[in-house]
Amino acid sequence: MTPSQPAKPRHHGDLKTALVEAGVALLSEGGHGALTLRKCAARAGVSHAAPAHHFNGRKGLMTAIVAQGFKLFTQTMLEHRDAADDNPHARLVAVCNGYLAFAQDNQAMAALMFRTEEVFSCDPEFQTASAAAYQVLAEACAPFNAGPAGARGVEVLIWSLVEGYASLARAGTIDTSQTPFADILPRLNLQLR
């Protein structure tokens, strides 16, 4: 290095966390197209090779970013559930409202989280984080009579309904103020066990 060349940036601390946080911020600010290895590196203040080295390329970094998204998603659903009345219907509505709040507040992340071609879906951290999010939904559905579809059928029904609603809202296809989700879910007439 000559005196005229600037020193390469060095990161002292938890580089992986810094890169994931940079990726989450870029995704939030500019959507999926804004998320590149170079931009993550620049945001974290490290060389452009650092993300590829620490995450085995873009897909590895995306996996870590989406795993972080699932953790935030789970936390949002739990916060809504814990603030609800202590009855199964209110808790299910609250979990769904937490799902929708996360999807609204984190649109790019929500759109990316279920695109498994973008991530290493066999990654243990990804699997743990996504399973924890699903478990919140499953627990909220558990008190209801599953009928012939079984417990998994009720879970998939609710998950499909809330994800479909979130996707339509994100696309601007529905006006959520005219058709609030809280008015839709009771129409399913779910019966307690």
N, C-alpha and C. Protein backbone atom coordinates (compact mmCIF):
# COMPACT_ATOMS: atom_id res chain seq x y z
N MET A 1 0.86 -1.17 0.00
CA MET A 1 0.00 0.00 0.00
C MET A 1 0.91 1.23 0.00
N THR A 2 0.63 2.14 -0.90
CA THR A 2 1.38 3.39 -0.97
C THR A 2 0.66 4.44 -0.16
N PRO A 3 1.35 5.53 0.19
CA PRO A 3 0.69 6.57 0.99
C PRO A 3 -0.54 7.17 0.33
N SER A 4 -0.63 7.10 -1.00
CA SER A 4 -1.79 7.70 -1.67
C SER A 4 -2.99 6.77 -1.71
N GLN A 5 -2.80 5.48 -1.42
CA GLN A 5 -3.90 4.53 -1.44
C GLN A 5 -4.58 4.50 -0.08
N PRO A 6 -5.91 4.61 -0.07
CA PRO A 6 -6.61 4.52 1.22
C PRO A 6 -6.56 3.09 1.76
N ALA A 7 -6.56 2.97 3.05
CA ALA A 7 -6.60 1.65 3.67
C ALA A 7 -7.94 0.99 3.39
N LYS A 8 -7.91 -0.31 3.16
CA LYS A 8 -9.16 -1.05 2.95
C LYS A 8 -9.91 -1.08 4.28
N PRO A 9 -11.23 -0.97 4.20
CA PRO A 9 -11.98 -0.98 5.45
C PRO A 9 -11.87 -2.33 6.16
N ARG A 10 -11.81 -2.28 7.45
CA ARG A 10 -11.80 -3.50 8.26
C ARG A 10 -12.98 -3.41 9.23
N HIS A 11 -13.57 -4.54 9.43
CA HIS A 11 -14.70 -4.59 10.34
C HIS A 11 -14.26 -5.31 11.61
N HIS A 12 -14.44 -4.64 12.71
CA HIS A 12 -14.09 -5.25 13.99
C HIS A 12 -15.38 -5.52 14.74
N GLY A 13 -15.67 -6.78 14.92
CA GLY A 13 -16.91 -7.16 15.60
C GLY A 13 -17.55 -8.33 14.89
N ASP A 14 -18.84 -8.42 14.96
CA ASP A 14 -19.58 -9.53 14.37
C ASP A 14 -19.92 -9.18 12.92
N LEU A 15 -19.03 -9.56 12.02
CA LEU A 15 -19.19 -9.21 10.61
C LEU A 15 -20.44 -9.83 10.00
N LYS A 16 -20.72 -11.07 10.31
CA LYS A 16 -21.91 -11.71 9.74
C LYS A 16 -23.18 -10.95 10.12
N THR A 17 -23.29 -10.59 11.38
CA THR A 17 -24.47 -9.83 11.83
C THR A 17 -24.53 -8.48 11.13
N ALA A 18 -23.39 -7.82 10.99
CA ALA A 18 -23.36 -6.51 10.32
C ALA A 18 -23.80 -6.63 8.87
N LEU A 19 -23.39 -7.69 8.19
CA LEU A 19 -23.79 -7.89 6.79
C LEU A 19 -25.29 -8.20 6.68
N VAL A 20 -25.80 -9.01 7.60
CA VAL A 20 -27.23 -9.32 7.60
C VAL A 20 -28.04 -8.05 7.86
N GLU A 21 -27.63 -7.28 8.86
CA GLU A 21 -28.33 -6.03 9.16
C GLU A 21 -28.28 -5.07 7.97
N ALA A 22 -27.15 -5.01 7.29
CA ALA A 22 -27.03 -4.17 6.09
C ALA A 22 -27.99 -4.66 5.01
N GLY A 23 -28.07 -5.97 4.85
CA GLY A 23 -28.99 -6.54 3.85
C GLY A 23 -30.44 -6.28 4.18
N VAL A 24 -30.81 -6.42 5.45
CA VAL A 24 -32.19 -6.13 5.87
C VAL A 24 -32.53 -4.67 5.59
N ALA A 25 -31.60 -3.78 5.91
CA ALA A 25 -31.83 -2.34 5.67
C ALA A 25 -31.96 -2.04 4.18
N LEU A 26 -31.08 -2.61 3.36
CA LEU A 26 -31.15 -2.39 1.91
C LEU A 26 -32.47 -2.92 1.34
N LEU A 27 -32.88 -4.08 1.80
CA LEU A 27 -34.14 -4.68 1.35
C LEU A 27 -35.31 -3.78 1.72
N SER A 28 -35.29 -3.27 2.93
CA SER A 28 -36.35 -2.39 3.41
C SER A 28 -36.40 -1.07 2.62
N GLU A 29 -35.24 -0.52 2.34
CA GLU A 29 -35.16 0.77 1.67
C GLU A 29 -35.43 0.70 0.17
N GLY A 30 -34.93 -0.36 -0.49
CA GLY A 30 -35.01 -0.37 -1.94
C GLY A 30 -35.58 -1.61 -2.57
N GLY A 31 -36.09 -2.52 -1.76
CA GLY A 31 -36.67 -3.74 -2.30
C GLY A 31 -35.61 -4.75 -2.72
N HIS A 32 -36.09 -5.83 -3.31
CA HIS A 32 -35.25 -6.95 -3.69
C HIS A 32 -34.12 -6.53 -4.63
N GLY A 33 -34.38 -5.63 -5.55
CA GLY A 33 -33.37 -5.20 -6.51
C GLY A 33 -32.20 -4.45 -5.89
N ALA A 34 -32.40 -3.87 -4.72
CA ALA A 34 -31.35 -3.10 -4.06
C ALA A 34 -30.38 -3.98 -3.27
N LEU A 35 -30.69 -5.25 -3.18
CA LEU A 35 -29.91 -6.16 -2.34
C LEU A 35 -28.84 -6.87 -3.16
N THR A 36 -27.62 -6.35 -3.11
CA THR A 36 -26.49 -6.97 -3.78
C THR A 36 -25.37 -7.18 -2.77
N LEU A 37 -24.46 -8.08 -3.11
CA LEU A 37 -23.33 -8.33 -2.22
C LEU A 37 -22.49 -7.07 -2.05
N ARG A 38 -22.24 -6.37 -3.14
CA ARG A 38 -21.43 -5.15 -3.07
C ARG A 38 -22.08 -4.09 -2.19
N LYS A 39 -23.38 -3.90 -2.34
CA LYS A 39 -24.07 -2.89 -1.52
C LYS A 39 -24.08 -3.29 -0.05
N CYS A 40 -24.26 -4.57 0.22
CA CYS A 40 -24.20 -5.03 1.62
C CYS A 40 -22.82 -4.77 2.21
N ALA A 41 -21.80 -5.08 1.43
CA ALA A 41 -20.43 -4.87 1.90
C ALA A 41 -20.18 -3.39 2.16
N ALA A 42 -20.58 -2.55 1.22
CA ALA A 42 -20.37 -1.11 1.39
C ALA A 42 -21.11 -0.60 2.62
N ARG A 43 -22.33 -1.05 2.80
CA ARG A 43 -23.14 -0.61 3.94
C ARG A 43 -22.52 -1.04 5.26
N ALA A 44 -21.92 -2.24 5.27
CA ALA A 44 -21.30 -2.76 6.48
C ALA A 44 -19.87 -2.24 6.66
N GLY A 45 -19.36 -1.55 5.63
CA GLY A 45 -18.02 -0.97 5.72
C GLY A 45 -16.90 -1.98 5.57
N VAL A 46 -17.11 -2.99 4.71
CA VAL A 46 -16.08 -4.00 4.49
C VAL A 46 -15.82 -4.17 3.00
N SER A 47 -14.84 -4.96 2.65
CA SER A 47 -14.51 -5.18 1.24
C SER A 47 -15.66 -5.88 0.54
N HIS A 48 -15.72 -5.70 -0.77
CA HIS A 48 -16.82 -6.29 -1.54
C HIS A 48 -16.76 -7.82 -1.56
N ALA A 49 -15.63 -8.41 -1.20
CA ALA A 49 -15.50 -9.87 -1.18
C ALA A 49 -16.01 -10.49 0.12
N ALA A 50 -16.19 -9.69 1.15
CA ALA A 50 -16.56 -10.23 2.47
C ALA A 50 -17.87 -11.01 2.47
N PRO A 51 -18.96 -10.50 1.87
CA PRO A 51 -20.21 -11.27 1.92
C PRO A 51 -20.10 -12.63 1.24
N ALA A 52 -19.44 -12.68 0.09
CA ALA A 52 -19.29 -13.96 -0.61
C ALA A 52 -18.46 -14.93 0.22
N HIS A 53 -17.45 -14.41 0.87
CA HIS A 53 -16.57 -15.25 1.69
C HIS A 53 -17.30 -15.79 2.93
N HIS A 54 -18.02 -14.94 3.61
CA HIS A 54 -18.65 -15.34 4.87
C HIS A 54 -19.97 -16.08 4.70
N PHE A 55 -20.60 -15.95 3.53
CA PHE A 55 -21.92 -16.57 3.34
C PHE A 55 -21.99 -17.51 2.15
N ASN A 56 -20.85 -17.84 1.57
CA ASN A 56 -20.85 -18.73 0.42
C ASN A 56 -21.70 -18.17 -0.72
N GLY A 57 -21.53 -16.88 -0.98
CA GLY A 57 -22.21 -16.24 -2.10
C GLY A 57 -23.51 -15.57 -1.72
N ARG A 58 -24.17 -15.04 -2.74
CA ARG A 58 -25.41 -14.28 -2.57
C ARG A 58 -26.52 -15.11 -1.92
N LYS A 59 -26.66 -16.35 -2.37
CA LYS A 59 -27.74 -17.19 -1.84
C LYS A 59 -27.56 -17.43 -0.34
N GLY A 60 -26.32 -17.58 0.11
CA GLY A 60 -26.07 -17.77 1.53
C GLY A 60 -26.42 -16.52 2.33
N LEU A 61 -26.06 -15.35 1.79
CA LEU A 61 -26.42 -14.10 2.46
C LEU A 61 -27.94 -13.93 2.48
N MET A 62 -28.59 -14.23 1.37
CA MET A 62 -30.06 -14.13 1.32
C MET A 62 -30.69 -15.06 2.35
N THR A 63 -30.13 -16.23 2.52
CA THR A 63 -30.65 -17.19 3.50
C THR A 63 -30.58 -16.59 4.90
N ALA A 64 -29.46 -15.99 5.24
CA ALA A 64 -29.30 -15.38 6.56
C ALA A 64 -30.24 -14.18 6.74
N ILE A 65 -30.43 -13.40 5.69
CA ILE A 65 -31.32 -12.24 5.75
C ILE A 65 -32.77 -12.71 5.95
N VAL A 66 -33.18 -13.72 5.19
CA VAL A 66 -34.55 -14.23 5.31
C VAL A 66 -34.75 -14.90 6.67
N ALA A 67 -33.75 -15.59 7.18
CA ALA A 67 -33.87 -16.17 8.52
C ALA A 67 -34.11 -15.07 9.55
N GLN A 68 -33.40 -13.95 9.41
CA GLN A 68 -33.62 -12.81 10.30
C GLN A 68 -35.04 -12.28 10.12
N GLY A 69 -35.51 -12.24 8.89
CA GLY A 69 -36.89 -11.82 8.62
C GLY A 69 -37.90 -12.71 9.33
N PHE A 70 -37.69 -14.02 9.30
CA PHE A 70 -38.59 -14.94 9.99
C PHE A 70 -38.58 -14.70 11.50
N LYS A 71 -37.42 -14.36 12.05
CA LYS A 71 -37.35 -14.07 13.48
C LYS A 71 -38.17 -12.83 13.83
N LEU A 72 -38.06 -11.80 13.02
CA LEU A 72 -38.85 -10.59 13.24
C LEU A 72 -40.34 -10.85 13.04
N PHE A 73 -40.65 -11.67 12.06
CA PHE A 73 -42.03 -12.07 11.75
C PHE A 73 -42.64 -12.78 12.96
N THR A 74 -41.91 -13.74 13.52
CA THR A 74 -42.37 -14.48 14.69
C THR A 74 -42.61 -13.53 15.86
N GLN A 75 -41.66 -12.65 16.08
CA GLN A 75 -41.77 -11.70 17.18
C GLN A 75 -43.01 -10.82 17.02
N THR A 76 -43.28 -10.37 15.82
CA THR A 76 -44.46 -9.52 15.58
C THR A 76 -45.75 -10.27 15.86
N MET A 77 -45.84 -11.52 15.37
CA MET A 77 -47.05 -12.30 15.63
C MET A 77 -47.24 -12.56 17.12
N LEU A 78 -46.15 -12.87 17.83
CA LEU A 78 -46.25 -13.12 19.27
C LEU A 78 -46.66 -11.88 20.04
N GLU A 79 -46.13 -10.73 19.65
CA GLU A 79 -46.51 -9.48 20.32
C GLU A 79 -48.01 -9.22 20.16
N HIS A 80 -48.53 -9.42 18.97
CA HIS A 80 -49.97 -9.23 18.74
C HIS A 80 -50.78 -10.25 19.53
N ARG A 81 -50.34 -11.51 19.50
CA ARG A 81 -51.06 -12.57 20.24
C ARG A 81 -51.09 -12.27 21.73
N ASP A 82 -49.95 -11.87 22.27
CA ASP A 82 -49.86 -11.64 23.71
C ASP A 82 -50.66 -10.42 24.17
N ALA A 83 -50.96 -9.51 23.25
CA ALA A 83 -51.75 -8.33 23.60
C ALA A 83 -53.26 -8.58 23.45
N ALA A 84 -53.63 -9.74 22.95
CA ALA A 84 -55.04 -10.05 22.69
C ALA A 84 -55.73 -10.61 23.93
N ASP A 85 -57.06 -10.60 23.88
CA ASP A 85 -57.83 -11.28 24.92
C ASP A 85 -57.45 -12.75 24.94
N ASP A 86 -57.65 -13.36 26.10
CA ASP A 86 -57.24 -14.76 26.26
C ASP A 86 -58.37 -15.71 25.87
N ASN A 87 -58.78 -15.63 24.61
CA ASN A 87 -59.71 -16.63 24.09
C ASN A 87 -59.22 -17.02 22.70
N PRO A 88 -59.51 -18.24 22.27
CA PRO A 88 -58.92 -18.75 21.02
C PRO A 88 -59.21 -17.91 19.78
N HIS A 89 -60.44 -17.41 19.65
CA HIS A 89 -60.77 -16.61 18.47
C HIS A 89 -59.96 -15.31 18.45
N ALA A 90 -59.90 -14.63 19.59
CA ALA A 90 -59.16 -13.36 19.66
C ALA A 90 -57.67 -13.58 19.41
N ARG A 91 -57.14 -14.68 19.93
CA ARG A 91 -55.72 -14.96 19.74
C ARG A 91 -55.41 -15.30 18.28
N LEU A 92 -56.29 -16.04 17.62
CA LEU A 92 -56.08 -16.36 16.21
C LEU A 92 -56.14 -15.09 15.36
N VAL A 93 -57.13 -14.25 15.62
CA VAL A 93 -57.23 -12.98 14.89
C VAL A 93 -55.98 -12.14 15.15
N ALA A 94 -55.50 -12.12 16.37
CA ALA A 94 -54.32 -11.33 16.71
C ALA A 94 -53.07 -11.85 15.99
N VAL A 95 -52.90 -13.16 15.94
CA VAL A 95 -51.76 -13.74 15.21
C VAL A 95 -51.85 -13.34 13.73
N CYS A 96 -53.03 -13.44 13.17
CA CYS A 96 -53.21 -13.05 11.77
C CYS A 96 -52.94 -11.55 11.58
N ASN A 97 -53.39 -10.74 12.52
CA ASN A 97 -53.12 -9.31 12.43
C ASN A 97 -51.62 -9.02 12.57
N GLY A 98 -50.92 -9.79 13.39
CA GLY A 98 -49.47 -9.66 13.49
C GLY A 98 -48.80 -10.03 12.17
N TYR A 99 -49.29 -11.07 11.56
CA TYR A 99 -48.80 -11.51 10.25
C TYR A 99 -48.96 -10.36 9.25
N LEU A 100 -50.16 -9.78 9.22
CA LEU A 100 -50.45 -8.69 8.28
C LEU A 100 -49.66 -7.43 8.60
N ALA A 101 -49.47 -7.14 9.88
CA ALA A 101 -48.67 -5.96 10.26
C ALA A 101 -47.23 -6.12 9.78
N PHE A 102 -46.68 -7.30 9.98
CA PHE A 102 -45.32 -7.55 9.50
C PHE A 102 -45.26 -7.40 7.98
N ALA A 103 -46.22 -8.00 7.30
CA ALA A 103 -46.23 -7.94 5.83
C ALA A 103 -46.35 -6.51 5.33
N GLN A 104 -47.12 -5.69 6.02
CA GLN A 104 -47.30 -4.29 5.63
C GLN A 104 -46.05 -3.47 5.92
N ASP A 105 -45.45 -3.68 7.08
CA ASP A 105 -44.30 -2.89 7.50
C ASP A 105 -42.99 -3.35 6.86
N ASN A 106 -42.96 -4.56 6.32
CA ASN A 106 -41.74 -5.14 5.74
C ASN A 106 -42.08 -5.78 4.40
N GLN A 107 -42.61 -4.98 3.49
CA GLN A 107 -43.16 -5.53 2.25
C GLN A 107 -42.14 -6.32 1.43
N ALA A 108 -40.95 -5.80 1.25
CA ALA A 108 -39.95 -6.51 0.45
C ALA A 108 -39.54 -7.81 1.12
N MET A 109 -39.35 -7.78 2.43
CA MET A 109 -38.99 -8.99 3.16
C MET A 109 -40.12 -10.02 3.08
N ALA A 110 -41.35 -9.56 3.29
CA ALA A 110 -42.49 -10.47 3.24
C ALA A 110 -42.63 -11.12 1.87
N ALA A 111 -42.36 -10.37 0.82
CA ALA A 111 -42.45 -10.92 -0.53
C ALA A 111 -41.34 -11.94 -0.79
N LEU A 112 -40.22 -11.78 -0.12
CA LEU A 112 -39.06 -12.65 -0.33
C LEU A 112 -39.09 -13.91 0.52
N MET A 113 -39.71 -13.88 1.66
CA MET A 113 -39.59 -14.95 2.65
C MET A 113 -40.04 -16.32 2.15
N PHE A 114 -40.98 -16.39 1.27
CA PHE A 114 -41.49 -17.69 0.82
C PHE A 114 -41.00 -18.05 -0.57
N ARG A 115 -40.01 -17.31 -1.07
CA ARG A 115 -39.40 -17.63 -2.36
C ARG A 115 -38.18 -18.51 -2.11
N THR A 116 -38.41 -19.79 -1.96
CA THR A 116 -37.35 -20.69 -1.53
C THR A 116 -36.24 -20.86 -2.56
N GLU A 117 -36.47 -20.47 -3.80
CA GLU A 117 -35.39 -20.57 -4.78
C GLU A 117 -34.29 -19.55 -4.49
N GLU A 118 -34.57 -18.56 -3.66
CA GLU A 118 -33.60 -17.50 -3.31
C GLU A 118 -32.71 -17.88 -2.14
N VAL A 119 -33.03 -18.98 -1.45
CA VAL A 119 -32.31 -19.31 -0.21
C VAL A 119 -31.88 -20.78 -0.21
N PHE A 120 -30.98 -21.09 0.71
CA PHE A 120 -30.63 -22.48 0.98
C PHE A 120 -31.64 -22.98 2.02
N SER A 121 -32.73 -23.58 1.57
CA SER A 121 -33.80 -23.96 2.49
C SER A 121 -33.40 -25.08 3.44
N CYS A 122 -32.28 -25.73 3.21
CA CYS A 122 -31.81 -26.77 4.13
C CYS A 122 -30.92 -26.18 5.23
N ASP A 123 -30.66 -24.88 5.20
CA ASP A 123 -29.85 -24.23 6.21
C ASP A 123 -30.51 -24.35 7.57
N PRO A 124 -29.80 -24.82 8.61
CA PRO A 124 -30.42 -25.03 9.93
C PRO A 124 -31.01 -23.75 10.54
N GLU A 125 -30.33 -22.62 10.41
CA GLU A 125 -30.86 -21.38 10.97
C GLU A 125 -32.15 -20.97 10.27
N PHE A 126 -32.17 -21.11 8.95
CA PHE A 126 -33.38 -20.81 8.18
C PHE A 126 -34.52 -21.74 8.60
N GLN A 127 -34.24 -23.03 8.70
CA GLN A 127 -35.27 -24.00 9.08
C GLN A 127 -35.83 -23.72 10.46
N THR A 128 -34.95 -23.41 11.41
CA THR A 128 -35.39 -23.12 12.78
C THR A 128 -36.26 -21.87 12.82
N ALA A 129 -35.82 -20.82 12.12
CA ALA A 129 -36.57 -19.55 12.13
C ALA A 129 -37.91 -19.68 11.44
N SER A 130 -37.95 -20.36 10.30
CA SER A 130 -39.24 -20.50 9.60
C SER A 130 -40.18 -21.42 10.36
N ALA A 131 -39.64 -22.47 10.98
CA ALA A 131 -40.47 -23.38 11.78
C ALA A 131 -41.07 -22.67 12.99
N ALA A 132 -40.30 -21.78 13.61
CA ALA A 132 -40.81 -21.04 14.77
C ALA A 132 -41.98 -20.15 14.37
N ALA A 133 -41.88 -19.53 13.21
CA ALA A 133 -42.98 -18.68 12.73
C ALA A 133 -44.22 -19.53 12.47
N TYR A 134 -44.03 -20.66 11.81
CA TYR A 134 -45.16 -21.54 11.52
C TYR A 134 -45.79 -22.06 12.82
N GLN A 135 -44.97 -22.33 13.81
CA GLN A 135 -45.47 -22.84 15.09
C GLN A 135 -46.43 -21.86 15.76
N VAL A 136 -46.16 -20.57 15.64
CA VAL A 136 -47.07 -19.56 16.21
C VAL A 136 -48.45 -19.71 15.57
N LEU A 137 -48.48 -19.85 14.25
CA LEU A 137 -49.75 -20.03 13.54
C LEU A 137 -50.41 -21.35 13.94
N ALA A 138 -49.63 -22.42 13.99
CA ALA A 138 -50.18 -23.73 14.34
C ALA A 138 -50.80 -23.72 15.73
N GLU A 139 -50.13 -23.09 16.69
CA GLU A 139 -50.66 -23.03 18.05
C GLU A 139 -51.95 -22.22 18.10
N ALA A 140 -52.05 -21.18 17.29
CA ALA A 140 -53.27 -20.37 17.27
C ALA A 140 -54.43 -21.14 16.65
N CYS A 141 -54.12 -22.06 15.74
CA CYS A 141 -55.16 -22.86 15.08
C CYS A 141 -55.56 -24.11 15.89
N ALA A 142 -54.71 -24.54 16.80
CA ALA A 142 -54.90 -25.80 17.52
C ALA A 142 -56.24 -25.94 18.26
N PRO A 143 -56.78 -24.86 18.85
CA PRO A 143 -58.03 -25.05 19.60
C PRO A 143 -59.27 -25.30 18.74
N PHE A 144 -59.13 -25.21 17.42
CA PHE A 144 -60.31 -25.30 16.57
C PHE A 144 -60.49 -26.70 16.02
N ASN A 145 -61.74 -27.08 15.82
CA ASN A 145 -62.10 -28.39 15.30
C ASN A 145 -61.58 -28.52 13.88
N ALA A 146 -60.76 -29.52 13.66
CA ALA A 146 -60.12 -29.69 12.36
C ALA A 146 -61.01 -30.38 11.35
N GLY A 147 -61.95 -31.16 11.81
CA GLY A 147 -62.81 -31.88 10.88
C GLY A 147 -62.01 -32.84 10.02
N PRO A 148 -62.52 -33.19 8.85
CA PRO A 148 -61.84 -34.18 8.02
C PRO A 148 -60.48 -33.70 7.48
N ALA A 149 -60.27 -32.40 7.43
CA ALA A 149 -59.00 -31.88 6.91
C ALA A 149 -57.86 -32.09 7.88
N GLY A 150 -58.16 -32.32 9.14
CA GLY A 150 -57.11 -32.50 10.14
C GLY A 150 -56.52 -31.16 10.55
N ALA A 151 -55.70 -31.21 11.58
CA ALA A 151 -55.09 -29.99 12.12
C ALA A 151 -54.29 -29.26 11.05
N ARG A 152 -53.53 -30.00 10.26
CA ARG A 152 -52.72 -29.37 9.21
C ARG A 152 -53.63 -28.66 8.19
N GLY A 153 -54.80 -29.21 7.93
CA GLY A 153 -55.74 -28.58 7.00
C GLY A 153 -56.20 -27.22 7.48
N VAL A 154 -56.51 -27.10 8.78
CA VAL A 154 -56.92 -25.82 9.35
C VAL A 154 -55.76 -24.83 9.26
N GLU A 155 -54.56 -25.29 9.59
CA GLU A 155 -53.39 -24.41 9.53
C GLU A 155 -53.16 -23.89 8.12
N VAL A 156 -53.24 -24.77 7.14
CA VAL A 156 -53.02 -24.36 5.74
C VAL A 156 -54.14 -23.43 5.28
N LEU A 157 -55.37 -23.69 5.70
CA LEU A 157 -56.48 -22.80 5.36
C LEU A 157 -56.23 -21.39 5.87
N ILE A 158 -55.88 -21.26 7.15
CA ILE A 158 -55.64 -19.94 7.74
C ILE A 158 -54.41 -19.30 7.12
N TRP A 159 -53.34 -20.07 6.96
CA TRP A 159 -52.11 -19.54 6.36
C TRP A 159 -52.37 -19.04 4.95
N SER A 160 -53.09 -19.82 4.16
CA SER A 160 -53.41 -19.41 2.78
C SER A 160 -54.26 -18.14 2.77
N LEU A 161 -55.21 -18.08 3.67
CA LEU A 161 -56.09 -16.93 3.73
C LEU A 161 -55.31 -15.66 4.09
N VAL A 162 -54.49 -15.73 5.13
CA VAL A 162 -53.78 -14.53 5.58
C VAL A 162 -52.67 -14.15 4.60
N GLU A 163 -51.97 -15.12 4.03
CA GLU A 163 -50.92 -14.81 3.05
C GLU A 163 -51.53 -14.26 1.76
N GLY A 164 -52.66 -14.83 1.35
CA GLY A 164 -53.34 -14.30 0.18
C GLY A 164 -53.80 -12.87 0.39
N TYR A 165 -54.34 -12.60 1.55
CA TYR A 165 -54.78 -11.24 1.89
C TYR A 165 -53.59 -10.29 1.89
N ALA A 166 -52.49 -10.72 2.51
CA ALA A 166 -51.28 -9.87 2.55
C ALA A 166 -50.76 -9.61 1.15
N SER A 167 -50.75 -10.62 0.30
CA SER A 167 -50.26 -10.45 -1.08
C SER A 167 -51.16 -9.51 -1.88
N LEU A 168 -52.46 -9.66 -1.73
CA LEU A 168 -53.40 -8.77 -2.43
C LEU A 168 -53.27 -7.33 -1.94
N ALA A 169 -53.09 -7.17 -0.64
CA ALA A 169 -52.91 -5.82 -0.08
C ALA A 169 -51.61 -5.21 -0.59
N ARG A 170 -50.53 -6.00 -0.61
CA ARG A 170 -49.23 -5.52 -1.08
C ARG A 170 -49.31 -5.09 -2.55
N ALA A 171 -50.08 -5.80 -3.33
CA ALA A 171 -50.23 -5.49 -4.76
C ALA A 171 -51.22 -4.35 -5.00
N GLY A 172 -51.93 -3.93 -3.95
CA GLY A 172 -52.93 -2.87 -4.11
C GLY A 172 -54.23 -3.35 -4.73
N THR A 173 -54.42 -4.66 -4.76
CA THR A 173 -55.62 -5.25 -5.37
C THR A 173 -56.85 -5.07 -4.50
N ILE A 174 -56.65 -5.03 -3.19
CA ILE A 174 -57.78 -4.82 -2.28
C ILE A 174 -57.52 -3.59 -1.42
N ASP A 175 -58.59 -2.96 -1.02
CA ASP A 175 -58.52 -1.83 -0.10
C ASP A 175 -58.78 -2.39 1.29
N THR A 176 -57.73 -2.47 2.09
CA THR A 176 -57.85 -3.11 3.40
C THR A 176 -58.75 -2.32 4.35
N SER A 177 -58.94 -1.04 4.08
CA SER A 177 -59.84 -0.27 4.94
C SER A 177 -61.30 -0.61 4.63
N GLN A 178 -61.57 -1.03 3.42
CA GLN A 178 -62.93 -1.41 3.03
C GLN A 178 -63.23 -2.88 3.35
N THR A 179 -62.19 -3.69 3.36
CA THR A 179 -62.34 -5.11 3.63
C THR A 179 -61.31 -5.54 4.67
N PRO A 180 -61.52 -5.16 5.94
CA PRO A 180 -60.54 -5.54 6.97
C PRO A 180 -60.51 -7.04 7.21
N PHE A 181 -59.33 -7.54 7.44
CA PHE A 181 -59.16 -8.98 7.67
C PHE A 181 -59.96 -9.45 8.87
N ALA A 182 -60.06 -8.62 9.88
CA ALA A 182 -60.80 -9.00 11.09
C ALA A 182 -62.27 -9.30 10.78
N ASP A 183 -62.79 -8.78 9.68
CA ASP A 183 -64.17 -9.07 9.28
C ASP A 183 -64.28 -10.37 8.49
N ILE A 184 -63.17 -10.80 7.91
CA ILE A 184 -63.18 -12.00 7.06
C ILE A 184 -63.06 -13.28 7.88
N LEU A 185 -62.11 -13.30 8.80
CA LEU A 185 -61.82 -14.52 9.54
C LEU A 185 -63.04 -15.09 10.28
N PRO A 186 -63.87 -14.28 10.95
CA PRO A 186 -65.03 -14.87 11.64
C PRO A 186 -66.02 -15.54 10.68
N ARG A 187 -66.00 -15.16 9.43
CA ARG A 187 -66.93 -15.77 8.46
C ARG A 187 -66.60 -17.23 8.18
N LEU A 188 -65.40 -17.66 8.56
CA LEU A 188 -65.04 -19.06 8.39
C LEU A 188 -65.82 -19.94 9.35
N ASN A 189 -66.34 -19.32 10.42
CA ASN A 189 -67.14 -20.04 11.41
C ASN A 189 -66.38 -21.23 12.00
N LEU A 190 -65.13 -20.97 12.39
CA LEU A 190 -64.34 -22.02 13.01
C LEU A 190 -64.93 -22.36 14.38
N GLN A 191 -65.08 -23.64 14.61
CA GLN A 191 -65.67 -24.14 15.85
C GLN A 191 -64.56 -24.66 16.77
N LEU A 192 -64.68 -24.34 18.05
CA LEU A 192 -63.73 -24.87 19.02
C LEU A 192 -63.94 -26.37 19.17
N ARG A 193 -62.89 -27.04 19.58
CA ARG A 193 -62.98 -28.50 19.80
C ARG A 193 -63.85 -28.81 20.98
